[in-house]
């Protein structure tokens, strides 16, 4: 029985490794959302397999845990990615405003110099 459990866990782990290998071949770095989903899936599958092994169904436990972990990981990764996008937009606005302030400062200095020469 332990041999069957170990063999199922190895198959699940191999399937997850292949899934990540195929995803990694896309050429694009993983987004925060994708990383969260992957980590959640792995953590959920591992936890589910452990709990499932205690009740005699490690494969089912891993599948259920993986699905729940993927959902939770997606939600967390999505929230983090949205926060990163918002932070980046705010930073872009700040930089734009700083450039405008600097432009206006130079214009004021130019007007002061022009007024002094008159």
C-alpha atoms as a PDB file:
ATOM      1  CA  UNK A   1       0.000   0.000   0.000  1.00  0.00           C
ATOM      2  CA  UNK A   2       2.826   2.435   0.824  1.00  0.00           C
ATOM      3  CA  UNK A   3       4.405   1.610  -2.516  1.00  0.00           C
ATOM      4  CA  UNK A   4       1.170   2.581  -4.311  1.00  0.00           C
ATOM      5  CA  UNK A   5       0.986   5.839  -2.378  1.00  0.00           C
ATOM      6  CA  UNK A   6       4.587   6.665  -3.173  1.00  0.00           C
ATOM      7  CA  UNK A   7       4.048   5.856  -6.840  1.00  0.00           C
ATOM      8  CA  UNK A   8       0.980   8.153  -7.016  1.00  0.00           C
ATOM      9  CA  UNK A   9       2.867  10.970  -5.333  1.00  0.00           C
ATOM     10  CA  UNK A  10       5.755  10.557  -7.766  1.00  0.00           C
ATOM     11  CA  UNK A  11       3.338  10.680 -10.710  1.00  0.00           C
ATOM     12  CA  UNK A  12       1.683  13.817  -9.368  1.00  0.00           C
ATOM     13  CA  UNK A  13       5.041  15.476  -8.761  1.00  0.00           C
ATOM     14  CA  UNK A  14       6.225  14.512 -12.253  1.00  0.00           C
ATOM     15  CA  UNK A  15       3.042  15.933 -13.797  1.00  0.00           C
ATOM     16  CA  UNK A  16       3.525  19.216 -11.936  1.00  0.00           C
ATOM     17  CA  UNK A  17       7.182  19.412 -12.976  1.00  0.00           C
ATOM     18  CA  UNK A  18       6.208  18.843 -16.613  1.00  0.00           C
ATOM     19  CA  UNK A  19       3.485  21.479 -16.357  1.00  0.00           C
ATOM     20  CA  UNK A  20       5.957  24.046 -15.061  1.00  0.00           C
ATOM     21  CA  UNK A  21       8.530  23.031 -17.650  1.00  0.00           C
ATOM     22  CA  UNK A  22       6.041  23.635 -20.463  1.00  0.00           C
ATOM     23  CA  UNK A  23       4.987  26.940 -18.919  1.00  0.00           C
ATOM     24  CA  UNK A  24       8.633  27.944 -18.585  1.00  0.00           C
ATOM     25  CA  UNK A  25       9.179  27.342 -22.298  1.00  0.00           C
ATOM     26  CA  UNK A  26       6.847  30.198 -23.217  1.00  0.00           C
ATOM     27  CA  UNK A  27       9.835  32.540 -23.224  1.00  0.00           C
ATOM     28  CA  UNK A  28       8.144  35.112 -21.013  1.00  0.00           C
ATOM     29  CA  UNK A  29       8.955  35.452 -17.319  1.00  0.00           C
ATOM     30  CA  UNK A  30       6.161  34.348 -15.024  1.00  0.00           C
ATOM     31  CA  UNK A  31       3.903  37.092 -13.767  1.00  0.00           C
ATOM     32  CA  UNK A  32       3.197  37.513 -10.075  1.00  0.00           C
ATOM     33  CA  UNK A  33      -0.252  36.030 -10.696  1.00  0.00           C
ATOM     34  CA  UNK A  34       1.260  32.940 -12.347  1.00  0.00           C
ATOM     35  CA  UNK A  35       3.837  32.520  -9.594  1.00  0.00           C
ATOM     36  CA  UNK A  36       1.127  32.736  -6.936  1.00  0.00           C
ATOM     37  CA  UNK A  37      -0.978  30.152  -8.740  1.00  0.00           C
ATOM     38  CA  UNK A  38       1.965  27.778  -9.112  1.00  0.00           C
ATOM     39  CA  UNK A  39       3.085  28.072  -5.507  1.00  0.00           C
ATOM     40  CA  UNK A  40      -0.500  27.663  -4.291  1.00  0.00           C
ATOM     41  CA  UNK A  41      -0.961  24.581  -6.463  1.00  0.00           C
ATOM     42  CA  UNK A  42       2.208  22.940  -5.179  1.00  0.00           C
ATOM     43  CA  UNK A  43       1.514  23.759  -1.555  1.00  0.00           C
ATOM     44  CA  UNK A  44      -2.107  22.647  -1.840  1.00  0.00           C
ATOM     45  CA  UNK A  45      -1.225  19.405  -3.618  1.00  0.00           C
ATOM     46  CA  UNK A  46       1.444  18.547  -1.071  1.00  0.00           C
ATOM     47  CA  UNK A  47      -0.835  19.317   1.864  1.00  0.00           C
ATOM     48  CA  UNK A  48      -3.724  17.473   0.233  1.00  0.00           C
ATOM     49  CA  UNK A  49      -1.561  14.418  -0.429  1.00  0.00           C
ATOM     50  CA  UNK A  50      -0.447  14.314   3.192  1.00  0.00           C
ATOM     51  CA  UNK A  51      -3.989  14.659   4.503  1.00  0.00           C
ATOM     52  CA  UNK A  52      -5.285  12.247   1.858  1.00  0.00           C
ATOM     53  CA  UNK A  53      -2.652   9.670   2.822  1.00  0.00           C
ATOM     54  CA  UNK A  54      -3.946   9.785   6.392  1.00  0.00           C
ATOM     55  CA  UNK A  55      -7.404   8.753   5.196  1.00  0.00           C
ATOM     56  CA  UNK A  56      -6.222   6.374   2.466  1.00  0.00           C
ATOM     57  CA  UNK A  57      -6.689   8.570  -0.637  1.00  0.00           C
ATOM     58  CA  UNK A  58      -3.508  10.556  -1.300  1.00  0.00           C
ATOM     59  CA  UNK A  59      -4.266  11.051  -4.995  1.00  0.00           C
ATOM     60  CA  UNK A  60      -7.692  12.512  -4.336  1.00  0.00           C
ATOM     61  CA  UNK A  61      -6.297  14.629  -1.514  1.00  0.00           C
ATOM     62  CA  UNK A  62      -3.547  15.952  -3.755  1.00  0.00           C
ATOM     63  CA  UNK A  63      -6.014  16.765  -6.528  1.00  0.00           C
ATOM     64  CA  UNK A  64      -8.433  18.552  -4.217  1.00  0.00           C
ATOM     65  CA  UNK A  65      -5.627  20.333  -2.362  1.00  0.00           C
ATOM     66  CA  UNK A  66      -3.984  21.327  -5.636  1.00  0.00           C
ATOM     67  CA  UNK A  67      -7.216  22.799  -6.969  1.00  0.00           C
ATOM     68  CA  UNK A  68      -7.907  24.717  -3.777  1.00  0.00           C
ATOM     69  CA  UNK A  69      -4.289  25.857  -3.573  1.00  0.00           C
ATOM     70  CA  UNK A  70      -4.371  27.021  -7.195  1.00  0.00           C
ATOM     71  CA  UNK A  71      -7.488  29.073  -6.523  1.00  0.00           C
ATOM     72  CA  UNK A  72      -6.056  30.660  -3.397  1.00  0.00           C
ATOM     73  CA  UNK A  73      -2.682  31.228  -5.023  1.00  0.00           C
ATOM     74  CA  UNK A  74      -4.334  32.851  -8.029  1.00  0.00           C
ATOM     75  CA  UNK A  75      -6.342  35.219  -5.842  1.00  0.00           C
ATOM     76  CA  UNK A  76      -3.296  36.213  -3.800  1.00  0.00           C
ATOM     77  CA  UNK A  77      -1.038  36.529  -6.859  1.00  0.00           C
ATOM     78  CA  UNK A  78      -3.678  38.559  -8.680  1.00  0.00           C
ATOM     79  CA  UNK A  79      -4.021  40.984  -5.760  1.00  0.00           C
ATOM     80  CA  UNK A  80      -0.246  41.367  -5.559  1.00  0.00           C
ATOM     81  CA  UNK A  81       0.062  41.940  -9.310  1.00  0.00           C
ATOM     82  CA  UNK A  82      -2.712  44.547  -9.264  1.00  0.00           C
ATOM     83  CA  UNK A  83      -0.904  46.336  -6.420  1.00  0.00           C
ATOM     84  CA  UNK A  84       2.348  46.297  -8.418  1.00  0.00           C
ATOM     85  CA  UNK A  85       0.594  47.815 -11.444  1.00  0.00           C
ATOM     86  CA  UNK A  86      -0.988  50.518  -9.303  1.00  0.00           C
ATOM     87  CA  UNK A  87       2.361  51.321  -7.661  1.00  0.00           C
ATOM     88  CA  UNK A  88       4.048  51.537 -11.061  1.00  0.00           C
ATOM     89  CA  UNK A  89       1.350  53.902 -12.369  1.00  0.00           C
ATOM     90  CA  UNK A  90       1.686  56.105  -9.294  1.00  0.00           C
ATOM     91  CA  UNK A  91       5.477  56.195  -9.709  1.00  0.00           C
ATOM     92  CA  UNK A  92       5.108  57.187 -13.364  1.00  0.00           C
ATOM     93  CA  UNK A  93       2.772  60.045 -12.392  1.00  0.00           C
ATOM     94  CA  UNK A  94       5.185  61.241  -9.700  1.00  0.00           C
ATOM     95  CA  UNK A  95       8.091  61.267 -12.162  1.00  0.00           C
ATOM     96  CA  UNK A  96       6.009  63.184 -14.695  1.00  0.00           C
ATOM     97  CA  UNK A  97       5.051  65.775 -12.097  1.00  0.00           C
ATOM     98  CA  UNK A  98       8.675  66.126 -10.968  1.00  0.00           C
ATOM     99  CA  UNK A  99       9.739  66.814 -14.563  1.00  0.00           C
ATOM    100  CA  UNK A 100       7.019  69.453 -14.877  1.00  0.00           C
ATOM    101  CA  UNK A 101       8.083  71.107 -11.604  1.00  0.00           C
ATOM    102  CA  UNK A 102      11.692  71.195 -12.793  1.00  0.00           C
ATOM    103  CA  UNK A 103      10.624  72.707 -16.139  1.00  0.00           C
ATOM    104  CA  UNK A 104       8.624  75.397 -14.345  1.00  0.00           C
ATOM    105  CA  UNK A 105      11.527  76.103 -11.957  1.00  0.00           C
ATOM    106  CA  UNK A 106      13.842  76.680 -14.930  1.00  0.00           C
ATOM    107  CA  UNK A 107      11.248  78.926 -16.545  1.00  0.00           C
ATOM    108  CA  UNK A 108      10.913  80.998 -13.339  1.00  0.00           C
ATOM    109  CA  UNK A 109      14.713  81.325 -13.101  1.00  0.00           C
ATOM    110  CA  UNK A 110      14.809  82.459 -16.712  1.00  0.00           C
ATOM    111  CA  UNK A 111      12.110  85.064 -16.078  1.00  0.00           C
ATOM    112  CA  UNK A 112      13.957  86.322 -12.978  1.00  0.00           C
ATOM    113  CA  UNK A 113      17.151  86.740 -14.954  1.00  0.00           C
ATOM    114  CA  UNK A 114      15.303  88.463 -17.755  1.00  0.00           C
ATOM    115  CA  UNK A 115      13.671  90.853 -15.243  1.00  0.00           C
ATOM    116  CA  UNK A 116      17.031  91.653 -13.634  1.00  0.00           C
ATOM    117  CA  UNK A 117      18.568  92.631 -16.984  1.00  0.00           C
ATOM    118  CA  UNK A 118      15.760  94.991 -17.859  1.00  0.00           C
END
